């Protein structure tokens, strides 16, 4: 079980992509294109998130990244740090994920948008701290949480969020959910 940082992961992705791409720039373009095509197909109903289980989460990642990475849908097998953030230790990843998805599926009904924003921020932050996959965690989590909210009668207009503020709120959510909760509250509404 190794440890990697962002540069090590970039090198790993170059060695383990389905196209044999050996340039960071070309891989980024190919990943963006393949992800965009899958995300568009998902929005058009070609793929449905059947359940909000651990398997459903892994299946979503597999669907989104199957065209570019052989590890799509598989949990990472290395330790992961990005910047000053250390994500879930790989030896605990599966057990913590099982507990988190059980909690997500036992979640009671939300009585207000404030409660919805609070709980969505919590689940989004916890899934981010798992950082289950070698690549594509943020995009998979965002799509998963959006679908989870929809299933509970909440529309989340995440496309209206400023990307830089969103990234800062996610980084802060490691220790304080306040900014993420506020951002969610400003972009969710009950579906009528």
C-alpha atoms as a PDB file:
ATOM      1  CA  UNK A   1       0.000   0.000   0.000  1.00  0.00           C
ATOM      2  CA  UNK A   2       1.723   3.134  -1.197  1.00  0.00           C
ATOM      3  CA  UNK A   3       1.191   6.795  -0.572  1.00  0.00           C
ATOM      4  CA  UNK A   4       0.838   9.320  -3.333  1.00  0.00           C
ATOM      5  CA  UNK A   5       0.456  13.016  -3.754  1.00  0.00           C
ATOM      6  CA  UNK A   6      -1.013  14.871  -6.714  1.00  0.00           C
ATOM      7  CA  UNK A   7       2.126  14.538  -8.900  1.00  0.00           C
ATOM      8  CA  UNK A   8       2.429  10.805  -8.141  1.00  0.00           C
ATOM      9  CA  UNK A   9      -1.236  10.398  -9.027  1.00  0.00           C
ATOM     10  CA  UNK A  10      -0.749  12.272 -12.305  1.00  0.00           C
ATOM     11  CA  UNK A  11       2.055   9.872 -13.206  1.00  0.00           C
ATOM     12  CA  UNK A  12      -0.118   6.898 -12.236  1.00  0.00           C
ATOM     13  CA  UNK A  13      -2.938   8.158 -14.475  1.00  0.00           C
ATOM     14  CA  UNK A  14      -0.535   8.462 -17.412  1.00  0.00           C
ATOM     15  CA  UNK A  15       0.522   4.848 -16.928  1.00  0.00           C
ATOM     16  CA  UNK A  16      -3.028   3.580 -16.329  1.00  0.00           C
ATOM     17  CA  UNK A  17      -5.363   5.116 -18.884  1.00  0.00           C
ATOM     18  CA  UNK A  18      -7.166   3.145 -21.551  1.00  0.00           C
ATOM     19  CA  UNK A  19      -5.800   5.197 -24.449  1.00  0.00           C
ATOM     20  CA  UNK A  20      -2.100   4.931 -23.650  1.00  0.00           C
ATOM     21  CA  UNK A  21      -1.888   8.719 -23.439  1.00  0.00           C
ATOM     22  CA  UNK A  22       1.493   9.822 -22.085  1.00  0.00           C
ATOM     23  CA  UNK A  23       0.996  13.595 -21.871  1.00  0.00           C
ATOM     24  CA  UNK A  24      -0.698  15.289 -18.916  1.00  0.00           C
ATOM     25  CA  UNK A  25      -2.320  17.847 -21.223  1.00  0.00           C
ATOM     26  CA  UNK A  26      -3.672  15.222 -23.633  1.00  0.00           C
ATOM     27  CA  UNK A  27      -4.941  13.050 -20.789  1.00  0.00           C
ATOM     28  CA  UNK A  28      -6.748  16.021 -19.255  1.00  0.00           C
ATOM     29  CA  UNK A  29      -8.436  16.751 -22.600  1.00  0.00           C
ATOM     30  CA  UNK A  30      -9.416  13.105 -23.113  1.00  0.00           C
ATOM     31  CA  UNK A  31     -10.742  12.804 -19.560  1.00  0.00           C
ATOM     32  CA  UNK A  32     -12.742  16.013 -19.889  1.00  0.00           C
ATOM     33  CA  UNK A  33     -14.275  14.852 -23.159  1.00  0.00           C
ATOM     34  CA  UNK A  34     -15.117  11.318 -21.982  1.00  0.00           C
ATOM     35  CA  UNK A  35     -16.562  12.605 -18.692  1.00  0.00           C
ATOM     36  CA  UNK A  36     -18.607  15.290 -20.490  1.00  0.00           C
ATOM     37  CA  UNK A  37     -20.112  12.731 -22.857  1.00  0.00           C
ATOM     38  CA  UNK A  38     -21.076  10.422 -19.982  1.00  0.00           C
ATOM     39  CA  UNK A  39     -22.430  13.278 -17.828  1.00  0.00           C
ATOM     40  CA  UNK A  40     -24.519  14.532 -20.758  1.00  0.00           C
ATOM     41  CA  UNK A  41     -25.887  11.044 -21.379  1.00  0.00           C
ATOM     42  CA  UNK A  42     -26.748  10.801 -17.678  1.00  0.00           C
ATOM     43  CA  UNK A  43     -28.625  14.108 -17.829  1.00  0.00           C
ATOM     44  CA  UNK A  44     -30.546  12.824 -20.856  1.00  0.00           C
ATOM     45  CA  UNK A  45     -31.624   9.728 -18.943  1.00  0.00           C
ATOM     46  CA  UNK A  46     -29.287   7.167 -20.537  1.00  0.00           C
ATOM     47  CA  UNK A  47     -28.090   6.192 -17.056  1.00  0.00           C
ATOM     48  CA  UNK A  48     -30.049   6.195 -13.821  1.00  0.00           C
ATOM     49  CA  UNK A  49     -28.692   6.146 -10.298  1.00  0.00           C
ATOM     50  CA  UNK A  50     -30.693   3.169  -9.065  1.00  0.00           C
ATOM     51  CA  UNK A  51     -29.794   3.363  -5.400  1.00  0.00           C
ATOM     52  CA  UNK A  52     -27.964   5.552  -2.963  1.00  0.00           C
ATOM     53  CA  UNK A  53     -25.889   2.672  -1.678  1.00  0.00           C
ATOM     54  CA  UNK A  54     -22.167   2.106  -1.709  1.00  0.00           C
ATOM     55  CA  UNK A  55     -22.617  -0.073  -4.798  1.00  0.00           C
ATOM     56  CA  UNK A  56     -24.700   2.645  -6.463  1.00  0.00           C
ATOM     57  CA  UNK A  57     -21.905   5.144  -5.765  1.00  0.00           C
ATOM     58  CA  UNK A  58     -19.250   2.847  -7.209  1.00  0.00           C
ATOM     59  CA  UNK A  59     -21.461   2.093 -10.228  1.00  0.00           C
ATOM     60  CA  UNK A  60     -21.826   5.824 -10.889  1.00  0.00           C
ATOM     61  CA  UNK A  61     -18.048   6.314 -10.839  1.00  0.00           C
ATOM     62  CA  UNK A  62     -17.639   3.319 -13.148  1.00  0.00           C
ATOM     63  CA  UNK A  63     -20.204   4.750 -15.544  1.00  0.00           C
ATOM     64  CA  UNK A  64     -18.617   8.225 -15.591  1.00  0.00           C
ATOM     65  CA  UNK A  65     -14.990   7.127 -16.035  1.00  0.00           C
ATOM     66  CA  UNK A  66     -15.182   3.709 -17.738  1.00  0.00           C
ATOM     67  CA  UNK A  67     -14.010   5.096 -21.076  1.00  0.00           C
ATOM     68  CA  UNK A  68     -10.742   6.466 -19.732  1.00  0.00           C
ATOM     69  CA  UNK A  69      -9.583   4.529 -16.628  1.00  0.00           C
ATOM     70  CA  UNK A  70      -9.425   0.776 -15.953  1.00  0.00           C
ATOM     71  CA  UNK A  71      -9.932   1.444 -12.222  1.00  0.00           C
ATOM     72  CA  UNK A  72     -13.316   3.145 -12.731  1.00  0.00           C
ATOM     73  CA  UNK A  73     -15.657   2.157  -9.909  1.00  0.00           C
ATOM     74  CA  UNK A  74     -12.887   0.600  -7.798  1.00  0.00           C
ATOM     75  CA  UNK A  75     -11.783   2.003  -4.469  1.00  0.00           C
ATOM     76  CA  UNK A  76      -8.214   3.276  -4.314  1.00  0.00           C
ATOM     77  CA  UNK A  77      -5.584   1.051  -2.737  1.00  0.00           C
ATOM     78  CA  UNK A  78      -3.128   3.795  -1.747  1.00  0.00           C
ATOM     79  CA  UNK A  79      -3.054   6.511   0.894  1.00  0.00           C
ATOM     80  CA  UNK A  80      -4.020   9.941  -0.378  1.00  0.00           C
ATOM     81  CA  UNK A  81      -3.140  13.503   0.566  1.00  0.00           C
ATOM     82  CA  UNK A  82      -3.871  16.661  -1.388  1.00  0.00           C
ATOM     83  CA  UNK A  83      -2.244  19.799  -0.074  1.00  0.00           C
ATOM     84  CA  UNK A  84      -2.635  19.670   3.715  1.00  0.00           C
ATOM     85  CA  UNK A  85      -5.648  17.365   3.615  1.00  0.00           C
ATOM     86  CA  UNK A  86      -5.173  13.712   4.450  1.00  0.00           C
ATOM     87  CA  UNK A  87      -8.107  11.654   3.217  1.00  0.00           C
ATOM     88  CA  UNK A  88      -9.467   8.476   4.777  1.00  0.00           C
ATOM     89  CA  UNK A  89      -6.760   5.908   5.399  1.00  0.00           C
ATOM     90  CA  UNK A  90      -7.101   3.150   2.839  1.00  0.00           C
ATOM     91  CA  UNK A  91      -7.308   0.386   5.463  1.00  0.00           C
ATOM     92  CA  UNK A  92     -10.469   2.000   6.897  1.00  0.00           C
ATOM     93  CA  UNK A  93     -12.030   3.110   3.623  1.00  0.00           C
ATOM     94  CA  UNK A  94     -14.471   0.245   3.083  1.00  0.00           C
ATOM     95  CA  UNK A  95     -15.771   0.078   6.672  1.00  0.00           C
ATOM     96  CA  UNK A  96     -16.237   3.837   6.956  1.00  0.00           C
ATOM     97  CA  UNK A  97     -17.959   3.904   3.557  1.00  0.00           C
ATOM     98  CA  UNK A  98     -20.356   1.136   4.640  1.00  0.00           C
ATOM     99  CA  UNK A  99     -21.266   3.107   7.784  1.00  0.00           C
ATOM    100  CA  UNK A 100     -21.663   6.389   5.874  1.00  0.00           C
ATOM    101  CA  UNK A 101     -23.942   4.878   3.227  1.00  0.00           C
ATOM    102  CA  UNK A 102     -26.027   3.197   5.924  1.00  0.00           C
ATOM    103  CA  UNK A 103     -26.435   6.589   7.595  1.00  0.00           C
ATOM    104  CA  UNK A 104     -27.301   8.219   4.265  1.00  0.00           C
ATOM    105  CA  UNK A 105     -30.014   5.625   3.611  1.00  0.00           C
ATOM    106  CA  UNK A 106     -31.472   5.883   7.130  1.00  0.00           C
ATOM    107  CA  UNK A 107     -31.665   9.680   6.932  1.00  0.00           C
ATOM    108  CA  UNK A 108     -35.059  10.969   8.118  1.00  0.00           C
ATOM    109  CA  UNK A 109     -37.210  13.357   6.081  1.00  0.00           C
ATOM    110  CA  UNK A 110     -36.019  16.977   6.005  1.00  0.00           C
ATOM    111  CA  UNK A 111     -38.528  19.518   7.292  1.00  0.00           C
ATOM    112  CA  UNK A 112     -36.804  22.664   6.031  1.00  0.00           C
ATOM    113  CA  UNK A 113     -34.281  23.894   3.497  1.00  0.00           C
ATOM    114  CA  UNK A 114     -31.953  24.730   6.387  1.00  0.00           C
ATOM    115  CA  UNK A 115     -32.061  21.122   7.553  1.00  0.00           C
ATOM    116  CA  UNK A 116     -31.559  19.899   3.973  1.00  0.00           C
ATOM    117  CA  UNK A 117     -28.547  22.199   3.473  1.00  0.00           C
ATOM    118  CA  UNK A 118     -27.049  21.054   6.763  1.00  0.00           C
ATOM    119  CA  UNK A 119     -27.385  17.351   5.966  1.00  0.00           C
ATOM    120  CA  UNK A 120     -26.320  17.686   2.320  1.00  0.00           C
ATOM    121  CA  UNK A 121     -23.209  19.591   3.456  1.00  0.00           C
ATOM    122  CA  UNK A 122     -22.474  16.841   5.965  1.00  0.00           C
ATOM    123  CA  UNK A 123     -22.823  13.995   3.462  1.00  0.00           C
ATOM    124  CA  UNK A 124     -20.938  15.862   0.749  1.00  0.00           C
ATOM    125  CA  UNK A 125     -18.065  16.611   3.097  1.00  0.00           C
ATOM    126  CA  UNK A 126     -17.921  13.058   4.444  1.00  0.00           C
ATOM    127  CA  UNK A 127     -17.913  11.566   0.948  1.00  0.00           C
ATOM    128  CA  UNK A 128     -15.155  13.979   0.014  1.00  0.00           C
ATOM    129  CA  UNK A 129     -13.097  12.925   3.037  1.00  0.00           C
ATOM    130  CA  UNK A 130     -13.452   9.303   1.949  1.00  0.00           C
ATOM    131  CA  UNK A 131     -12.005  10.267  -1.436  1.00  0.00           C
ATOM    132  CA  UNK A 132     -12.719   6.727  -2.518  1.00  0.00           C
ATOM    133  CA  UNK A 133     -11.228   6.768  -6.006  1.00  0.00           C
ATOM    134  CA  UNK A 134      -7.879   7.633  -7.571  1.00  0.00           C
ATOM    135  CA  UNK A 135      -9.531  10.232  -9.797  1.00  0.00           C
ATOM    136  CA  UNK A 136     -12.968  11.761 -10.322  1.00  0.00           C
ATOM    137  CA  UNK A 137     -14.091  11.991  -6.693  1.00  0.00           C
ATOM    138  CA  UNK A 138     -15.458  15.535  -6.764  1.00  0.00           C
ATOM    139  CA  UNK A 139     -17.450  15.076  -9.946  1.00  0.00           C
ATOM    140  CA  UNK A 140     -18.870  11.738  -8.826  1.00  0.00           C
ATOM    141  CA  UNK A 141     -19.824  13.108  -5.399  1.00  0.00           C
ATOM    142  CA  UNK A 142     -21.468  16.208  -6.897  1.00  0.00           C
ATOM    143  CA  UNK A 143     -23.605  14.154  -9.290  1.00  0.00           C
ATOM    144  CA  UNK A 144     -24.451  11.616  -6.569  1.00  0.00           C
ATOM    145  CA  UNK A 145     -25.465  14.288  -4.026  1.00  0.00           C
ATOM    146  CA  UNK A 146     -27.508  16.109  -6.674  1.00  0.00           C
ATOM    147  CA  UNK A 147     -29.435  12.893  -7.430  1.00  0.00           C
ATOM    148  CA  UNK A 148     -29.820  12.142  -3.706  1.00  0.00           C
ATOM    149  CA  UNK A 149     -31.293  15.603  -3.103  1.00  0.00           C
ATOM    150  CA  UNK A 150     -33.662  15.198  -6.070  1.00  0.00           C
ATOM    151  CA  UNK A 151     -34.870  11.873  -4.695  1.00  0.00           C
ATOM    152  CA  UNK A 152     -35.750  13.748  -1.490  1.00  0.00           C
ATOM    153  CA  UNK A 153     -37.648  16.522  -3.285  1.00  0.00           C
ATOM    154  CA  UNK A 154     -34.812  19.061  -3.375  1.00  0.00           C
ATOM    155  CA  UNK A 155     -33.410  20.679  -6.512  1.00  0.00           C
ATOM    156  CA  UNK A 156     -29.767  21.754  -6.192  1.00  0.00           C
ATOM    157  CA  UNK A 157     -28.684  24.313  -8.803  1.00  0.00           C
ATOM    158  CA  UNK A 158     -24.982  23.537  -8.470  1.00  0.00           C
ATOM    159  CA  UNK A 159     -24.238  24.934 -11.934  1.00  0.00           C
ATOM    160  CA  UNK A 160     -24.865  28.442 -10.517  1.00  0.00           C
ATOM    161  CA  UNK A 161     -22.100  28.166  -7.909  1.00  0.00           C
ATOM    162  CA  UNK A 162     -18.830  30.054  -8.419  1.00  0.00           C
ATOM    163  CA  UNK A 163     -16.190  27.336  -8.878  1.00  0.00           C
ATOM    164  CA  UNK A 164     -13.504  29.031  -6.775  1.00  0.00           C
ATOM    165  CA  UNK A 165     -15.872  29.689  -3.844  1.00  0.00           C
ATOM    166  CA  UNK A 166     -17.101  26.114  -4.108  1.00  0.00           C
ATOM    167  CA  UNK A 167     -13.547  24.732  -3.948  1.00  0.00           C
ATOM    168  CA  UNK A 168     -12.767  26.896  -0.922  1.00  0.00           C
ATOM    169  CA  UNK A 169     -15.961  25.759   0.827  1.00  0.00           C
ATOM    170  CA  UNK A 170     -15.013  22.122   0.161  1.00  0.00           C
ATOM    171  CA  UNK A 171     -11.508  22.658   1.571  1.00  0.00           C
ATOM    172  CA  UNK A 172     -12.953  24.395   4.655  1.00  0.00           C
ATOM    173  CA  UNK A 173     -15.516  21.635   5.126  1.00  0.00           C
ATOM    174  CA  UNK A 174     -12.756  19.417   6.527  1.00  0.00           C
ATOM    175  CA  UNK A 175     -13.044  21.391   9.764  1.00  0.00           C
ATOM    176  CA  UNK A 176     -16.088  23.659   9.310  1.00  0.00           C
ATOM    177  CA  UNK A 177     -19.221  23.027   7.257  1.00  0.00           C
ATOM    178  CA  UNK A 178     -20.402  26.653   7.515  1.00  0.00           C
ATOM    179  CA  UNK A 179     -19.392  27.933   4.057  1.00  0.00           C
ATOM    180  CA  UNK A 180     -20.576  24.771   2.302  1.00  0.00           C
ATOM    181  CA  UNK A 181     -23.873  24.802   4.201  1.00  0.00           C
ATOM    182  CA  UNK A 182     -24.422  28.472   3.272  1.00  0.00           C
ATOM    183  CA  UNK A 183     -23.608  27.800  -0.393  1.00  0.00           C
ATOM    184  CA  UNK A 184     -26.015  24.867  -0.474  1.00  0.00           C
ATOM    185  CA  UNK A 185     -28.771  26.850   1.227  1.00  0.00           C
ATOM    186  CA  UNK A 186     -28.420  29.552  -1.444  1.00  0.00           C
ATOM    187  CA  UNK A 187     -28.738  27.015  -4.290  1.00  0.00           C
ATOM    188  CA  UNK A 188     -31.382  24.506  -3.151  1.00  0.00           C
ATOM    189  CA  UNK A 189     -35.154  24.627  -3.207  1.00  0.00           C
ATOM    190  CA  UNK A 190     -38.040  22.247  -2.686  1.00  0.00           C
ATOM    191  CA  UNK A 191     -39.433  20.831  -5.911  1.00  0.00           C
ATOM    192  CA  UNK A 192     -43.066  21.864  -6.274  1.00  0.00           C
END
